[in-house]
């Protein structure tokens, strides 16, 4: 919550991209390029170019090199898993839902949508393959599932060596968790119109990977005082 306050209640600060986040964006981009079927474009090369752009400034060199090396195999694994799908109907499709008791709409962007198949697929790159859809991803998928109605919702986890393909089912509880979280965030924001007051209610946990960036930690120390 402290990082959320730092990111969204401090207009002059936006969390930097770290190597793992950039790798995820780049791998997804490479798969998107590959699904278009242009034989004159190398999806892995395009993915690496994207990664280099995203990490040109402010990313640790060792972490950058390590994550860059993972990208070509991840793109290859993702394209192999989706080889029978063909070009998607939409990529980064904007969706919006309203939930009872939540004042503001919840907005998201789906990775890949195939209307002819009635499927939405979200791609996650990871170095450790989960055995099922993770809890945060279930909540994300529940939002997409509600927005897309009759479409099925699937998650494709790709590592450099293998993939996991899982369909989200029975996600009513996951959507309720989203709703309850949103209600509490809105209640928190209603306590004050002063961002400094709101930030004074939360405690940063610098041991969390969310604070891995030295620049983010330094900004946190400036804002929270330690």
C-alpha atoms as a PDB file:
ATOM      1  CA  UNK A   1       0.000   0.000   0.000  1.00  0.00           C
ATOM      2  CA  UNK A   2       2.906   2.357   0.715  1.00  0.00           C
ATOM      3  CA  UNK A   3       4.286   1.873  -2.787  1.00  0.00           C
ATOM      4  CA  UNK A   4       0.814   2.422  -4.228  1.00  0.00           C
ATOM      5  CA  UNK A   5       0.625   5.720  -2.343  1.00  0.00           C
ATOM      6  CA  UNK A   6       4.085   6.661  -3.518  1.00  0.00           C
ATOM      7  CA  UNK A   7       3.238   5.859  -7.136  1.00  0.00           C
ATOM      8  CA  UNK A   8      -0.247   7.330  -7.377  1.00  0.00           C
ATOM      9  CA  UNK A   9      -0.326  10.049  -4.726  1.00  0.00           C
ATOM     10  CA  UNK A  10       3.061  11.549  -5.604  1.00  0.00           C
ATOM     11  CA  UNK A  11       2.592  13.111  -9.076  1.00  0.00           C
ATOM     12  CA  UNK A  12       6.289  13.662  -9.682  1.00  0.00           C
ATOM     13  CA  UNK A  13       7.180  10.030  -9.028  1.00  0.00           C
ATOM     14  CA  UNK A  14       6.440   6.982 -11.133  1.00  0.00           C
ATOM     15  CA  UNK A  15       7.879   3.602 -10.268  1.00  0.00           C
ATOM     16  CA  UNK A  16      10.794   2.665 -12.528  1.00  0.00           C
ATOM     17  CA  UNK A  17      10.712  -0.395 -14.721  1.00  0.00           C
ATOM     18  CA  UNK A  18      12.881  -3.161 -13.290  1.00  0.00           C
ATOM     19  CA  UNK A  19      14.518  -5.902 -15.334  1.00  0.00           C
ATOM     20  CA  UNK A  20      11.841  -8.531 -14.616  1.00  0.00           C
ATOM     21  CA  UNK A  21       8.973  -6.172 -15.492  1.00  0.00           C
ATOM     22  CA  UNK A  22      10.714  -5.160 -18.721  1.00  0.00           C
ATOM     23  CA  UNK A  23      11.332  -8.801 -19.598  1.00  0.00           C
ATOM     24  CA  UNK A  24       7.615  -9.519 -19.236  1.00  0.00           C
ATOM     25  CA  UNK A  25       6.629  -6.628 -21.483  1.00  0.00           C
ATOM     26  CA  UNK A  26       9.269  -7.539 -24.063  1.00  0.00           C
ATOM     27  CA  UNK A  27       8.406 -11.238 -24.163  1.00  0.00           C
ATOM     28  CA  UNK A  28       4.730 -10.434 -24.644  1.00  0.00           C
ATOM     29  CA  UNK A  29       5.629  -8.017 -27.430  1.00  0.00           C
ATOM     30  CA  UNK A  30       7.723 -10.680 -29.157  1.00  0.00           C
ATOM     31  CA  UNK A  31       4.857 -13.175 -29.033  1.00  0.00           C
ATOM     32  CA  UNK A  32       2.495 -10.534 -30.410  1.00  0.00           C
ATOM     33  CA  UNK A  33       4.894  -9.867 -33.299  1.00  0.00           C
ATOM     34  CA  UNK A  34       5.238 -13.575 -33.992  1.00  0.00           C
ATOM     35  CA  UNK A  35       1.480 -14.161 -34.048  1.00  0.00           C
ATOM     36  CA  UNK A  36       1.163 -11.699 -36.935  1.00  0.00           C
ATOM     37  CA  UNK A  37       3.016 -14.203 -39.118  1.00  0.00           C
ATOM     38  CA  UNK A  38       5.450 -11.826 -40.831  1.00  0.00           C
ATOM     39  CA  UNK A  39       8.267 -14.095 -42.028  1.00  0.00           C
ATOM     40  CA  UNK A  40      10.607 -11.129 -42.523  1.00  0.00           C
ATOM     41  CA  UNK A  41      10.554 -10.157 -38.849  1.00  0.00           C
ATOM     42  CA  UNK A  42      12.266 -12.125 -36.088  1.00  0.00           C
ATOM     43  CA  UNK A  43       9.989 -12.036 -33.000  1.00  0.00           C
ATOM     44  CA  UNK A  44      12.827 -12.761 -30.577  1.00  0.00           C
ATOM     45  CA  UNK A  45      14.980  -9.977 -31.991  1.00  0.00           C
ATOM     46  CA  UNK A  46      12.081  -7.544 -31.765  1.00  0.00           C
ATOM     47  CA  UNK A  47      11.480  -8.592 -28.173  1.00  0.00           C
ATOM     48  CA  UNK A  48      15.120  -7.992 -27.244  1.00  0.00           C
ATOM     49  CA  UNK A  49      15.005  -4.571 -28.918  1.00  0.00           C
ATOM     50  CA  UNK A  50      11.942  -3.700 -26.862  1.00  0.00           C
ATOM     51  CA  UNK A  51      13.693  -4.863 -23.681  1.00  0.00           C
ATOM     52  CA  UNK A  52      16.738  -2.727 -24.464  1.00  0.00           C
ATOM     53  CA  UNK A  53      14.515   0.314 -24.957  1.00  0.00           C
ATOM     54  CA  UNK A  54      12.701  -0.257 -21.674  1.00  0.00           C
ATOM     55  CA  UNK A  55      15.883  -0.746 -19.669  1.00  0.00           C
ATOM     56  CA  UNK A  56      18.108   1.850 -21.297  1.00  0.00           C
ATOM     57  CA  UNK A  57      18.189   3.919 -18.123  1.00  0.00           C
ATOM     58  CA  UNK A  58      18.148   3.085 -14.428  1.00  0.00           C
ATOM     59  CA  UNK A  59      18.275  -0.735 -14.501  1.00  0.00           C
ATOM     60  CA  UNK A  60      21.036  -2.740 -12.813  1.00  0.00           C
ATOM     61  CA  UNK A  61      23.431  -4.120 -15.437  1.00  0.00           C
ATOM     62  CA  UNK A  62      23.720  -7.650 -14.034  1.00  0.00           C
ATOM     63  CA  UNK A  63      19.961  -8.077 -13.706  1.00  0.00           C
ATOM     64  CA  UNK A  64      19.497  -6.582 -17.162  1.00  0.00           C
ATOM     65  CA  UNK A  65      21.875  -9.069 -18.781  1.00  0.00           C
ATOM     66  CA  UNK A  66      20.292 -12.004 -16.954  1.00  0.00           C
ATOM     67  CA  UNK A  67      16.729 -11.160 -17.968  1.00  0.00           C
ATOM     68  CA  UNK A  68      17.698 -10.285 -21.541  1.00  0.00           C
ATOM     69  CA  UNK A  69      19.120 -13.787 -21.967  1.00  0.00           C
ATOM     70  CA  UNK A  70      15.755 -15.326 -21.013  1.00  0.00           C
ATOM     71  CA  UNK A  71      13.693 -13.497 -23.617  1.00  0.00           C
ATOM     72  CA  UNK A  72      14.342 -15.398 -26.897  1.00  0.00           C
ATOM     73  CA  UNK A  73      13.477 -18.787 -25.376  1.00  0.00           C
ATOM     74  CA  UNK A  74      10.382 -17.365 -23.697  1.00  0.00           C
ATOM     75  CA  UNK A  75       9.151 -15.943 -26.994  1.00  0.00           C
ATOM     76  CA  UNK A  76       9.793 -19.281 -28.688  1.00  0.00           C
ATOM     77  CA  UNK A  77       7.886 -21.171 -25.991  1.00  0.00           C
ATOM     78  CA  UNK A  78       4.959 -18.766 -26.169  1.00  0.00           C
ATOM     79  CA  UNK A  79       4.672 -18.970 -29.944  1.00  0.00           C
ATOM     80  CA  UNK A  80       4.886 -22.750 -29.883  1.00  0.00           C
ATOM     81  CA  UNK A  81       2.007 -22.896 -27.397  1.00  0.00           C
ATOM     82  CA  UNK A  82      -0.118 -20.552 -29.539  1.00  0.00           C
ATOM     83  CA  UNK A  83       0.883 -21.852 -32.955  1.00  0.00           C
ATOM     84  CA  UNK A  84      -2.644 -23.039 -33.779  1.00  0.00           C
ATOM     85  CA  UNK A  85      -4.298 -19.749 -32.847  1.00  0.00           C
ATOM     86  CA  UNK A  86      -3.198 -17.431 -35.627  1.00  0.00           C
ATOM     87  CA  UNK A  87      -3.364 -13.633 -35.388  1.00  0.00           C
ATOM     88  CA  UNK A  88      -5.538 -12.408 -32.485  1.00  0.00           C
ATOM     89  CA  UNK A  89      -8.648 -10.323 -33.055  1.00  0.00           C
ATOM     90  CA  UNK A  90      -7.366  -7.710 -30.602  1.00  0.00           C
ATOM     91  CA  UNK A  91      -4.306  -7.038 -28.500  1.00  0.00           C
ATOM     92  CA  UNK A  92      -4.320  -4.744 -25.485  1.00  0.00           C
ATOM     93  CA  UNK A  93      -8.091  -4.427 -25.713  1.00  0.00           C
ATOM     94  CA  UNK A  94      -9.418  -1.906 -23.187  1.00  0.00           C
ATOM     95  CA  UNK A  95     -12.089  -3.317 -20.887  1.00  0.00           C
ATOM     96  CA  UNK A  96     -14.139  -1.678 -18.150  1.00  0.00           C
ATOM     97  CA  UNK A  97     -16.429  -3.073 -15.458  1.00  0.00           C
ATOM     98  CA  UNK A  98     -18.562  -1.672 -12.641  1.00  0.00           C
ATOM     99  CA  UNK A  99     -18.900  -3.472  -9.313  1.00  0.00           C
ATOM    100  CA  UNK A 100     -21.564  -3.000  -6.642  1.00  0.00           C
ATOM    101  CA  UNK A 101     -20.455  -0.629  -3.929  1.00  0.00           C
ATOM    102  CA  UNK A 102     -17.481   0.684  -5.913  1.00  0.00           C
ATOM    103  CA  UNK A 103     -17.809   4.241  -7.170  1.00  0.00           C
ATOM    104  CA  UNK A 104     -15.234   4.183  -9.937  1.00  0.00           C
ATOM    105  CA  UNK A 105     -15.037   1.743 -12.859  1.00  0.00           C
ATOM    106  CA  UNK A 106     -12.265  -0.833 -12.974  1.00  0.00           C
ATOM    107  CA  UNK A 107     -10.266  -0.616 -16.189  1.00  0.00           C
ATOM    108  CA  UNK A 108      -7.882  -3.148 -17.695  1.00  0.00           C
ATOM    109  CA  UNK A 109      -6.214  -4.201 -20.930  1.00  0.00           C
ATOM    110  CA  UNK A 110      -6.296  -7.802 -22.138  1.00  0.00           C
ATOM    111  CA  UNK A 111      -3.186  -9.258 -23.775  1.00  0.00           C
ATOM    112  CA  UNK A 112      -4.724 -11.331 -26.576  1.00  0.00           C
ATOM    113  CA  UNK A 113      -8.350 -11.831 -27.634  1.00  0.00           C
ATOM    114  CA  UNK A 114      -9.591 -14.315 -30.225  1.00  0.00           C
ATOM    115  CA  UNK A 115     -13.246 -13.563 -30.900  1.00  0.00           C
ATOM    116  CA  UNK A 116     -13.616 -16.461 -33.329  1.00  0.00           C
ATOM    117  CA  UNK A 117     -12.476 -18.860 -30.611  1.00  0.00           C
ATOM    118  CA  UNK A 118     -14.181 -16.970 -27.817  1.00  0.00           C
ATOM    119  CA  UNK A 119     -10.973 -16.827 -25.787  1.00  0.00           C
ATOM    120  CA  UNK A 120      -8.958 -14.254 -23.885  1.00  0.00           C
ATOM    121  CA  UNK A 121      -5.377 -15.249 -23.089  1.00  0.00           C
ATOM    122  CA  UNK A 122      -3.067 -13.424 -20.723  1.00  0.00           C
ATOM    123  CA  UNK A 123       0.626 -14.170 -21.115  1.00  0.00           C
ATOM    124  CA  UNK A 124       2.918 -14.268 -18.075  1.00  0.00           C
ATOM    125  CA  UNK A 125       6.668 -14.731 -18.397  1.00  0.00           C
ATOM    126  CA  UNK A 126       8.338 -16.281 -15.374  1.00  0.00           C
ATOM    127  CA  UNK A 127      11.474 -18.157 -14.421  1.00  0.00           C
ATOM    128  CA  UNK A 128       9.513 -20.522 -12.164  1.00  0.00           C
ATOM    129  CA  UNK A 129       6.443 -22.218 -13.604  1.00  0.00           C
ATOM    130  CA  UNK A 130       3.430 -22.227 -11.240  1.00  0.00           C
ATOM    131  CA  UNK A 131       1.295 -25.362 -11.015  1.00  0.00           C
ATOM    132  CA  UNK A 132      -1.921 -23.328 -11.245  1.00  0.00           C
ATOM    133  CA  UNK A 133      -3.132 -19.765 -11.755  1.00  0.00           C
ATOM    134  CA  UNK A 134      -1.729 -17.588  -8.988  1.00  0.00           C
ATOM    135  CA  UNK A 135      -4.092 -15.694  -6.674  1.00  0.00           C
ATOM    136  CA  UNK A 136      -3.271 -12.206  -8.053  1.00  0.00           C
ATOM    137  CA  UNK A 137      -3.696 -13.510 -11.598  1.00  0.00           C
ATOM    138  CA  UNK A 138      -7.037 -15.089 -10.689  1.00  0.00           C
ATOM    139  CA  UNK A 139      -8.282 -11.683  -9.559  1.00  0.00           C
ATOM    140  CA  UNK A 140      -6.994 -10.085 -12.748  1.00  0.00           C
ATOM    141  CA  UNK A 141      -8.610 -12.802 -14.841  1.00  0.00           C
ATOM    142  CA  UNK A 142     -11.919 -12.441 -13.002  1.00  0.00           C
ATOM    143  CA  UNK A 143     -12.082  -8.810 -14.131  1.00  0.00           C
ATOM    144  CA  UNK A 144     -11.426  -9.778 -17.749  1.00  0.00           C
ATOM    145  CA  UNK A 145     -13.912 -12.652 -17.553  1.00  0.00           C
ATOM    146  CA  UNK A 146     -16.693 -10.374 -16.331  1.00  0.00           C
ATOM    147  CA  UNK A 147     -15.895  -7.798 -19.015  1.00  0.00           C
ATOM    148  CA  UNK A 148     -15.790 -10.302 -21.888  1.00  0.00           C
ATOM    149  CA  UNK A 149     -18.924 -12.243 -20.986  1.00  0.00           C
ATOM    150  CA  UNK A 150     -18.988 -15.535 -22.871  1.00  0.00           C
ATOM    151  CA  UNK A 151     -15.268 -15.626 -23.642  1.00  0.00           C
ATOM    152  CA  UNK A 152     -13.170 -18.128 -21.724  1.00  0.00           C
ATOM    153  CA  UNK A 153     -10.223 -16.750 -19.760  1.00  0.00           C
ATOM    154  CA  UNK A 154      -6.862 -18.518 -19.924  1.00  0.00           C
ATOM    155  CA  UNK A 155      -3.371 -17.829 -18.632  1.00  0.00           C
ATOM    156  CA  UNK A 156      -0.253 -18.876 -20.500  1.00  0.00           C
ATOM    157  CA  UNK A 157       2.825 -18.977 -18.273  1.00  0.00           C
ATOM    158  CA  UNK A 158       6.066 -19.207 -20.222  1.00  0.00           C
ATOM    159  CA  UNK A 159       9.562 -19.972 -18.959  1.00  0.00           C
ATOM    160  CA  UNK A 160      12.671 -20.436 -21.102  1.00  0.00           C
ATOM    161  CA  UNK A 161      12.078 -24.210 -21.033  1.00  0.00           C
ATOM    162  CA  UNK A 162       8.357 -24.951 -20.689  1.00  0.00           C
ATOM    163  CA  UNK A 163       4.857 -23.516 -20.440  1.00  0.00           C
ATOM    164  CA  UNK A 164       1.751 -23.886 -18.330  1.00  0.00           C
ATOM    165  CA  UNK A 165      -1.672 -23.286 -19.882  1.00  0.00           C
ATOM    166  CA  UNK A 166      -4.547 -22.909 -17.410  1.00  0.00           C
ATOM    167  CA  UNK A 167      -8.189 -21.888 -17.773  1.00  0.00           C
ATOM    168  CA  UNK A 168      -9.814 -19.728 -15.109  1.00  0.00           C
ATOM    169  CA  UNK A 169     -13.042 -21.216 -13.829  1.00  0.00           C
ATOM    170  CA  UNK A 170     -15.331 -20.601 -10.842  1.00  0.00           C
ATOM    171  CA  UNK A 171     -13.982 -17.093 -10.316  1.00  0.00           C
ATOM    172  CA  UNK A 172     -16.909 -15.530  -8.433  1.00  0.00           C
ATOM    173  CA  UNK A 173     -14.909 -15.447  -5.196  1.00  0.00           C
ATOM    174  CA  UNK A 174     -11.942 -13.885  -7.001  1.00  0.00           C
ATOM    175  CA  UNK A 175     -14.164 -11.098  -8.318  1.00  0.00           C
ATOM    176  CA  UNK A 176     -15.559 -10.562  -4.825  1.00  0.00           C
ATOM    177  CA  UNK A 177     -11.996 -10.129  -3.554  1.00  0.00           C
ATOM    178  CA  UNK A 178     -11.465  -7.461  -6.214  1.00  0.00           C
ATOM    179  CA  UNK A 179     -14.680  -5.727  -5.163  1.00  0.00           C
ATOM    180  CA  UNK A 180     -13.825  -5.765  -1.464  1.00  0.00           C
ATOM    181  CA  UNK A 181     -10.311  -4.479  -2.159  1.00  0.00           C
ATOM    182  CA  UNK A 182     -11.645  -1.623  -4.291  1.00  0.00           C
ATOM    183  CA  UNK A 183     -14.173  -0.669  -1.618  1.00  0.00           C
ATOM    184  CA  UNK A 184     -11.400  -0.447   0.969  1.00  0.00           C
ATOM    185  CA  UNK A 185      -9.135   1.607  -1.275  1.00  0.00           C
ATOM    186  CA  UNK A 186     -11.959   4.067  -1.875  1.00  0.00           C
ATOM    187  CA  UNK A 187     -12.636   4.257   1.870  1.00  0.00           C
ATOM    188  CA  UNK A 188      -8.951   4.943   2.465  1.00  0.00           C
ATOM    189  CA  UNK A 189      -8.929   7.731  -0.128  1.00  0.00           C
ATOM    190  CA  UNK A 190     -12.051   9.264   1.449  1.00  0.00           C
ATOM    191  CA  UNK A 191     -10.158   9.929   4.695  1.00  0.00           C
ATOM    192  CA  UNK A 192      -8.435  12.989   3.297  1.00  0.00           C
ATOM    193  CA  UNK A 193      -7.869  15.058   0.174  1.00  0.00           C
ATOM    194  CA  UNK A 194      -4.270  15.597   1.271  1.00  0.00           C
ATOM    195  CA  UNK A 195      -1.841  12.992  -0.168  1.00  0.00           C
ATOM    196  CA  UNK A 196       0.618  13.684   2.640  1.00  0.00           C
ATOM    197  CA  UNK A 197      -1.992  12.775   5.242  1.00  0.00           C
ATOM    198  CA  UNK A 198      -2.870   9.561   3.410  1.00  0.00           C
ATOM    199  CA  UNK A 199       0.782   8.585   3.110  1.00  0.00           C
ATOM    200  CA  UNK A 200       1.160   9.090   6.864  1.00  0.00           C
ATOM    201  CA  UNK A 201      -1.184   6.134   7.478  1.00  0.00           C
ATOM    202  CA  UNK A 202       0.951   3.510   5.709  1.00  0.00           C
ATOM    203  CA  UNK A 203       4.285   1.799   6.376  1.00  0.00           C
ATOM    204  CA  UNK A 204       6.775   0.914   3.604  1.00  0.00           C
ATOM    205  CA  UNK A 205       8.140  -2.641   3.618  1.00  0.00           C
ATOM    206  CA  UNK A 206      11.528  -2.272   1.974  1.00  0.00           C
ATOM    207  CA  UNK A 207      12.135  -6.044   2.221  1.00  0.00           C
ATOM    208  CA  UNK A 208       9.467  -6.621  -0.430  1.00  0.00           C
ATOM    209  CA  UNK A 209      10.617  -7.145  -4.016  1.00  0.00           C
ATOM    210  CA  UNK A 210       8.330  -4.266  -4.981  1.00  0.00           C
ATOM    211  CA  UNK A 211      11.010  -1.962  -3.549  1.00  0.00           C
ATOM    212  CA  UNK A 212      13.958  -3.574  -5.357  1.00  0.00           C
ATOM    213  CA  UNK A 213      14.770  -0.446  -7.365  1.00  0.00           C
ATOM    214  CA  UNK A 214      17.333   1.746  -5.539  1.00  0.00           C
ATOM    215  CA  UNK A 215      15.641   4.851  -6.956  1.00  0.00           C
ATOM    216  CA  UNK A 216      12.264   3.735  -5.623  1.00  0.00           C
ATOM    217  CA  UNK A 217      13.688   3.018  -2.161  1.00  0.00           C
ATOM    218  CA  UNK A 218      15.404   6.393  -2.097  1.00  0.00           C
ATOM    219  CA  UNK A 219      12.179   8.145  -3.035  1.00  0.00           C
ATOM    220  CA  UNK A 220      10.395   6.152  -0.333  1.00  0.00           C
ATOM    221  CA  UNK A 221      12.867   7.328   2.274  1.00  0.00           C
ATOM    222  CA  UNK A 222      12.309  10.939   1.221  1.00  0.00           C
ATOM    223  CA  UNK A 223       8.531  10.616   1.400  1.00  0.00           C
ATOM    224  CA  UNK A 224       8.169   8.405   4.489  1.00  0.00           C
ATOM    225  CA  UNK A 225      11.132   9.738   6.431  1.00  0.00           C
ATOM    226  CA  UNK A 226      13.102   6.503   6.760  1.00  0.00           C
END
